[in-house]
C-alpha atoms as a PDB file:
ATOM      1  CA  MET A   1      -7.903 -15.856   7.854  1.00  0.00           C
ATOM      2  CA  LYS A   2      -6.239 -12.619   6.711  1.00  0.00           C
ATOM      3  CA  ILE A   3      -6.578  -9.472   8.846  1.00  0.00           C
ATOM      4  CA  ASP A   4      -5.483  -5.972   7.836  1.00  0.00           C
ATOM      5  CA  ILE A   5      -3.569  -4.617  10.838  1.00  0.00           C
ATOM      6  CA  SER A   6      -5.165  -1.189  10.444  1.00  0.00           C
ATOM      7  CA  THR A   7      -8.619  -2.708  11.111  1.00  0.00           C
ATOM      8  CA  ILE A   8      -7.733  -4.253  14.476  1.00  0.00           C
ATOM      9  CA  PRO A   9      -9.670  -2.399  17.201  1.00  0.00           C
ATOM     10  CA  GLU A  10      -7.585  -0.735  19.927  1.00  0.00           C
ATOM     11  CA  ASN A  11      -9.026  -3.056  22.571  1.00  0.00           C
ATOM     12  CA  LYS A  12      -7.755  -6.201  20.758  1.00  0.00           C
ATOM     13  CA  THR A  13      -4.304  -7.724  20.359  1.00  0.00           C
ATOM     14  CA  PHE A  14      -2.864 -10.273  17.930  1.00  0.00           C
ATOM     15  CA  ASP A  15      -3.486 -12.925  20.592  1.00  0.00           C
ATOM     16  CA  ASP A  16      -7.256 -12.354  20.267  1.00  0.00           C
ATOM     17  CA  TYR A  17      -7.208 -13.924  16.804  1.00  0.00           C
ATOM     18  CA  PRO A  18      -7.047 -17.660  16.057  1.00  0.00           C
ATOM     19  CA  LYS A  19      -3.738 -19.401  15.408  1.00  0.00           C
ATOM     20  CA  GLY A  20      -2.900 -19.349  11.727  1.00  0.00           C
ATOM     21  CA  THR A  21      -4.263 -15.828  11.215  1.00  0.00           C
ATOM     22  CA  THR A  22      -2.183 -13.869   8.714  1.00  0.00           C
ATOM     23  CA  PHE A  23      -1.753 -10.192   9.522  1.00  0.00           C
ATOM     24  CA  VAL A  24      -1.151  -7.863   6.597  1.00  0.00           C
ATOM     25  CA  HIS A  25      -0.276  -4.221   6.355  1.00  0.00           C
ATOM     26  CA  LYS A  26      -1.671  -2.431   3.346  1.00  0.00           C
ATOM     27  CA  GLU A  27       0.595  -0.046   1.541  1.00  0.00           C
ATOM     28  CA  HIS A  28      -0.114   3.539   2.490  1.00  0.00           C
ATOM     29  CA  SER A  29       2.656   5.367   0.699  1.00  0.00           C
ATOM     30  CA  PRO A  30       1.782   7.548  -2.268  1.00  0.00           C
ATOM     31  CA  ARG A  31       2.086   6.336  -5.835  1.00  0.00           C
ATOM     32  CA  TYR A  32       2.652   8.322  -8.981  1.00  0.00           C
ATOM     33  CA  ILE A  33       1.302   9.031 -12.435  1.00  0.00           C
ATOM     34  CA  LEU A  34       4.005  10.487 -14.664  1.00  0.00           C
ATOM     35  CA  GLU A  35       2.139  12.277 -17.453  1.00  0.00           C
ATOM     36  CA  PRO A  36       0.892  14.668 -16.301  1.00  0.00           C
ATOM     37  CA  PHE A  37       2.831  14.151 -13.064  1.00  0.00           C
ATOM     38  CA  GLU A  38       0.531  13.548 -10.132  1.00  0.00           C
ATOM     39  CA  ILE A  39       0.865  12.058  -6.651  1.00  0.00           C
ATOM     40  CA  ILE A  40      -1.896   9.527  -5.935  1.00  0.00           C
ATOM     41  CA  SER A  41      -3.095   8.691  -2.409  1.00  0.00           C
ATOM     42  CA  PRO A  42      -4.246   5.195  -1.357  1.00  0.00           C
ATOM     43  CA  LYS A  43      -7.870   6.398  -1.256  1.00  0.00           C
ATOM     44  CA  ASP A  44      -7.803   7.348  -4.958  1.00  0.00           C
ATOM     45  CA  PRO A  45      -9.317   4.651  -7.217  1.00  0.00           C
ATOM     46  CA  ARG A  46      -6.324   5.010  -9.575  1.00  0.00           C
ATOM     47  CA  TYR A  47      -3.938   3.938  -6.783  1.00  0.00           C
ATOM     48  CA  GLU A  48      -3.809   0.284  -7.861  1.00  0.00           C
ATOM     49  CA  THR A  49      -2.527   1.169 -11.329  1.00  0.00           C
ATOM     50  CA  ALA A  50      -0.244   4.069 -10.350  1.00  0.00           C
ATOM     51  CA  LEU A  51       3.528   3.584 -10.145  1.00  0.00           C
ATOM     52  CA  THR A  52       5.339   2.925  -6.877  1.00  0.00           C
ATOM     53  CA  ARG A  53       8.358   5.010  -5.928  1.00  0.00           C
ATOM     54  CA  GLY A  54      10.624   2.087  -6.798  1.00  0.00           C
ATOM     55  CA  GLN A  55       9.100   1.803 -10.260  1.00  0.00           C
ATOM     56  CA  VAL A  56       9.545   5.549 -10.864  1.00  0.00           C
ATOM     57  CA  GLU A  57      13.170   5.404  -9.697  1.00  0.00           C
ATOM     58  CA  LYS A  58      13.839   2.465 -12.029  1.00  0.00           C
ATOM     59  CA  LEU A  59      12.338   4.338 -14.994  1.00  0.00           C
ATOM     60  CA  ILE A  60      14.453   7.392 -14.199  1.00  0.00           C
ATOM     61  CA  SER A  61      17.652   5.378 -13.837  1.00  0.00           C
ATOM     62  CA  ASN A  62      16.948   3.703 -17.198  1.00  0.00           C
ATOM     63  CA  GLY A  63      16.521   7.141 -18.833  1.00  0.00           C
ATOM     64  CA  LYS A  64      12.857   6.743 -19.725  1.00  0.00           C
END
């Protein structure tokens, strides 16, 4: 079973879940679209295809 940490109710702890449960933390940092430049929040449907900060930094360092 996979549980997003942000969905755990305040009255529960990790111990309330069965052994073998995998806890995940979804990415909540902004992503970017370069042309035209735009910062995309995780709630935006374009988030999955937008660039991460690391990807933008790599493009910049490569002169693209």
